Protein backbone atom coordinates (compact mmCIF):
# COMPACT_ATOMS: atom_id res chain seq x y z
CA UNK A 1 -51.25 -55.67 24.19
CA UNK A 2 -51.20 -58.39 21.56
CA UNK A 3 -53.12 -56.11 19.17
CA UNK A 4 -50.51 -53.36 19.61
CA UNK A 5 -47.67 -55.77 18.82
CA UNK A 6 -49.40 -56.90 15.64
CA UNK A 7 -50.01 -53.29 14.60
CA UNK A 8 -46.33 -52.39 15.03
CA UNK A 9 -45.26 -55.49 13.16
CA UNK A 10 -47.63 -54.75 10.26
CA UNK A 11 -46.38 -51.16 10.00
CA UNK A 12 -42.68 -52.08 10.08
CA UNK A 13 -42.27 -52.02 6.23
CA UNK A 14 -43.95 -48.63 6.20
CA UNK A 15 -41.57 -47.46 8.93
CA UNK A 16 -38.56 -48.68 6.90
CA UNK A 17 -39.81 -46.82 3.83
CA UNK A 18 -40.27 -43.61 5.84
CA UNK A 19 -36.77 -43.88 7.33
CA UNK A 20 -35.19 -44.59 3.93
CA UNK A 21 -37.02 -41.64 2.35
CA UNK A 22 -35.86 -39.31 5.13
CA UNK A 23 -32.26 -40.48 4.72
CA UNK A 24 -32.41 -40.02 0.94
CA UNK A 25 -33.80 -36.49 1.27
CA UNK A 26 -31.11 -35.64 3.83
CA UNK A 27 -28.39 -36.74 1.40
CA UNK A 28 -29.90 -34.91 -1.60
CA UNK A 29 -30.67 -31.65 0.20
CA UNK A 30 -27.07 -30.27 0.11
CA UNK A 31 -26.72 -30.74 -3.68
CA UNK A 32 -28.29 -27.40 -4.70
CA UNK A 33 -26.13 -25.68 -2.08
CA UNK A 34 -22.97 -27.18 -3.61
CA UNK A 35 -23.86 -25.62 -6.97
CA UNK A 36 -24.44 -22.24 -5.32
CA UNK A 37 -21.04 -22.25 -3.62
CA UNK A 38 -19.27 -20.72 -6.63
CA UNK A 39 -20.00 -17.63 -8.71
CA UNK A 40 -19.99 -17.28 -12.44
CA UNK A 41 -19.36 -18.18 -15.10
CA UNK A 42 -17.09 -15.42 -16.39
CA UNK A 43 -19.02 -14.27 -19.46
CA UNK A 44 -17.41 -12.36 -22.33
CA UNK A 45 -19.99 -10.73 -24.60
CA UNK A 46 -18.91 -9.14 -27.88
CA UNK A 47 -21.35 -6.29 -28.49
CA UNK A 48 -19.63 -5.18 -31.71
CA UNK A 49 -16.12 -5.23 -33.18
CA UNK A 50 -14.95 -2.56 -30.73
CA UNK A 51 -16.89 -3.41 -27.54
CA UNK A 52 -16.48 -6.41 -25.25
CA UNK A 53 -18.00 -6.80 -21.78
CA UNK A 54 -16.95 -9.15 -18.96
CA UNK A 55 -19.54 -10.09 -16.33
CA UNK A 56 -20.19 -12.64 -13.59
CA UNK A 57 -22.98 -14.64 -15.19
CA UNK A 58 -25.10 -13.56 -18.16
CA UNK A 59 -26.26 -10.01 -17.49
CA UNK A 60 -24.49 -10.00 -14.12
CA UNK A 61 -22.18 -7.41 -12.59
CA UNK A 62 -18.99 -6.36 -14.39
CA UNK A 63 -15.98 -8.46 -13.46
CA UNK A 64 -12.36 -7.52 -14.08
CA UNK A 65 -11.19 -4.91 -16.57
CA UNK A 66 -11.43 -5.03 -20.37
CA UNK A 67 -9.03 -2.93 -22.44
CA UNK A 68 -8.45 -2.61 -26.18
CA UNK A 69 -10.98 -2.79 -28.96
CA UNK A 70 -9.72 0.35 -30.65
CA UNK A 71 -8.28 -1.62 -33.55
CA UNK A 72 -11.36 -3.85 -33.52
CA UNK A 73 -11.88 -7.49 -32.55
CA UNK A 74 -9.00 -7.66 -30.02
CA UNK A 75 -9.09 -7.09 -26.26
CA UNK A 76 -7.24 -7.83 -23.02
CA UNK A 77 -8.99 -8.87 -19.80
CA UNK A 78 -7.35 -8.24 -16.43
CA UNK A 79 -8.73 -10.00 -13.32
CA UNK A 80 -9.67 -8.11 -10.15
CA UNK A 81 -6.84 -7.61 -7.65
CA UNK A 82 -8.43 -10.27 -5.42
CA UNK A 83 -8.38 -12.97 -8.12
CA UNK A 84 -5.85 -15.46 -9.40
CA UNK A 85 -5.89 -15.71 -13.19
CA UNK A 86 -7.49 -18.91 -14.51
CA UNK A 87 -5.59 -21.62 -16.28
CA UNK A 88 -7.05 -22.00 -19.76
CA UNK A 89 -4.40 -24.35 -21.16
CA UNK A 90 -3.46 -23.30 -24.69
CA UNK A 91 -6.72 -21.39 -24.95
CA UNK A 92 -10.44 -21.81 -25.45
CA UNK A 93 -12.36 -21.03 -28.65
CA UNK A 94 -15.99 -20.55 -29.59
CA UNK A 95 -17.45 -20.77 -33.09
CA UNK A 96 -18.31 -17.50 -34.81
CA UNK A 97 -22.10 -17.43 -35.38
CA UNK A 98 -22.90 -18.03 -39.02
CA UNK A 99 -19.22 -18.37 -39.99
CA UNK A 100 -17.70 -21.81 -39.30
CA UNK A 101 -14.30 -20.72 -40.68
CA UNK A 102 -13.80 -18.16 -37.84
CA UNK A 103 -13.69 -18.39 -34.04
CA UNK A 104 -13.59 -16.24 -30.93
CA UNK A 105 -10.36 -17.13 -29.12
CA UNK A 106 -9.38 -16.62 -25.45
CA UNK A 107 -5.76 -17.28 -24.46
CA UNK A 108 -3.66 -16.82 -21.33
CA UNK A 109 -0.95 -14.17 -21.78
CA UNK A 110 2.09 -13.66 -19.54
CA UNK A 111 4.28 -10.56 -19.97
CA UNK A 112 7.40 -9.72 -17.95
CA UNK A 113 7.27 -6.24 -16.43
CA UNK A 114 10.78 -4.87 -16.59
CA UNK A 115 13.29 -3.81 -15.82
CA UNK A 116 13.19 -5.35 -12.38
CA UNK A 117 14.55 -8.07 -10.12
CA UNK A 118 15.40 -11.52 -11.38
CA UNK A 119 13.03 -13.12 -12.10
CA UNK A 120 11.06 -10.03 -13.13
CA UNK A 121 7.46 -9.51 -11.99
CA UNK A 122 4.87 -10.83 -14.40
CA UNK A 123 1.64 -9.37 -15.73
CA UNK A 124 -0.90 -12.14 -16.39
CA UNK A 125 -4.09 -11.53 -18.33
CA UNK A 126 -6.37 -13.03 -20.98
CA UNK A 127 -6.09 -12.06 -24.64
CA UNK A 128 -9.38 -12.19 -26.55
CA UNK A 129 -9.64 -12.17 -30.34
CA UNK A 130 -12.74 -12.34 -32.51
CA UNK A 131 -13.08 -13.40 -36.14
CA UNK A 132 -9.80 -15.33 -36.29
CA UNK A 133 -9.01 -18.70 -37.93
CA UNK A 134 -9.53 -21.73 -35.66
CA UNK A 135 -6.52 -22.64 -33.53
CA UNK A 136 -5.19 -26.16 -32.91
CA UNK A 137 -6.51 -26.40 -29.35
CA UNK A 138 -7.92 -29.12 -27.14
CA UNK A 139 -11.49 -27.98 -27.87
CA UNK A 140 -11.22 -28.36 -31.60
CA UNK A 141 -13.82 -28.08 -33.12
CA UNK A 142 -14.75 -24.93 -31.27
CA UNK A 143 -17.49 -24.73 -28.66
CA UNK A 144 -20.84 -23.39 -29.90
CA UNK A 145 -21.49 -19.67 -29.38
CA UNK A 146 -22.69 -19.10 -25.79
CA UNK A 147 -21.46 -22.49 -24.50
CA UNK A 148 -20.13 -22.53 -20.94
CA UNK A 149 -16.72 -24.22 -20.62
CA UNK A 150 -16.89 -25.66 -17.07
CA UNK A 151 -13.17 -26.57 -17.00
CA UNK A 152 -12.10 -22.94 -16.44
CA UNK A 153 -12.13 -21.55 -12.91
CA UNK A 154 -10.77 -18.47 -11.15
CA UNK A 155 -9.82 -18.37 -7.47
CA UNK A 156 -11.27 -15.19 -5.94
CA UNK A 157 -12.00 -14.89 -2.19
CA UNK A 158 -14.21 -11.83 -2.83
CA UNK A 159 -16.97 -13.81 -4.62
CA UNK A 160 -19.47 -16.33 -3.17
CA UNK A 161 -17.75 -19.66 -2.58
CA UNK A 162 -14.31 -18.16 -3.25
CA UNK A 163 -14.18 -19.06 -6.93
CA UNK A 164 -15.67 -18.27 -10.34
CA UNK A 165 -16.61 -21.44 -12.22
CA UNK A 166 -16.72 -21.64 -16.01
CA UNK A 167 -16.14 -19.30 -18.93
CA UNK A 168 -18.54 -18.36 -21.71
CA UNK A 169 -18.30 -16.29 -24.89
CA UNK A 170 -21.40 -14.75 -26.46
CA UNK A 171 -20.96 -13.06 -29.83
CA UNK A 172 -23.75 -10.50 -30.13
CA UNK A 173 -21.94 -8.46 -32.76
CA UNK A 174 -22.82 -10.74 -35.68
CA UNK A 175 -26.38 -11.32 -34.51
CA UNK A 176 -27.39 -7.63 -34.76
CA UNK A 177 -27.28 -5.70 -38.05
CA UNK A 178 -25.10 -2.58 -38.00
CA UNK A 179 -26.54 0.93 -38.10
CA UNK A 180 -26.31 1.25 -41.89
CA UNK A 181 -28.19 -2.00 -42.45
CA UNK A 182 -30.84 -1.00 -39.94
CA UNK A 183 -31.47 2.35 -41.64
CA UNK A 184 -31.64 0.67 -45.06
CA UNK A 185 -34.13 -1.96 -43.82
CA UNK A 186 -36.25 0.71 -42.11
CA UNK A 187 -36.28 2.82 -45.28
CA UNK A 188 -37.38 -0.16 -47.38
CA UNK A 189 -40.18 -0.98 -44.93
CA UNK A 190 -41.45 2.62 -44.89
CA UNK A 191 -41.41 2.79 -48.69
CA UNK A 192 -43.49 -0.38 -48.84
CA UNK A 193 -46.04 1.02 -46.38
CA UNK A 194 -46.30 4.29 -48.31
CA UNK A 195 -46.86 2.36 -51.55
CA UNK A 196 -49.64 0.25 -49.99
CA UNK A 197 -51.41 3.32 -48.58
CA UNK A 198 -51.61 5.09 -51.92
CA UNK A 199 -55.14 5.09 -53.28
CA UNK A 200 -55.55 4.12 -56.89
CA UNK A 201 -56.81 7.02 -59.03
CA UNK A 202 -59.96 6.48 -61.03
């Protein structure tokens, strides 16, 4: 009996360590679940000066409706019917890749739909412009291309966690050469290969 008491006494620090470790793991376990409770971010990707996509996460499903682009570098984004438009303050801007004097700008737009009752119903959407001068906004200088602004969120009961967290703009249009440049580069490469394959005449 005395031996058992001594054994329990000697193992008490080990028991405390085990209990503390279990408590710590119990507290830390929910953290990954908290991150997974919201969807997003809302990602705008400019494919070229006429095409803009809006998805939930990079490469995720389409989210909302993008219109415009016909005149180039200007679009409107309308949220799904289940969503409340995000508050983006005076707007958010991302630096244009390779051109520090231009930005990609996202701003909240409110338009009265009339004629109607007083006050008239409102249409609320996001206006997106590419290749514009930097605006005097809170995030000045602009965020880097592809940076996720975590301050933006959209309430939407139809997505996991009931909200979309963050907004991101990825400008792919300036990273890929246009069709004319591609053809010219391909032609130059083929000419070089043909020149190298010619056998010198004796």
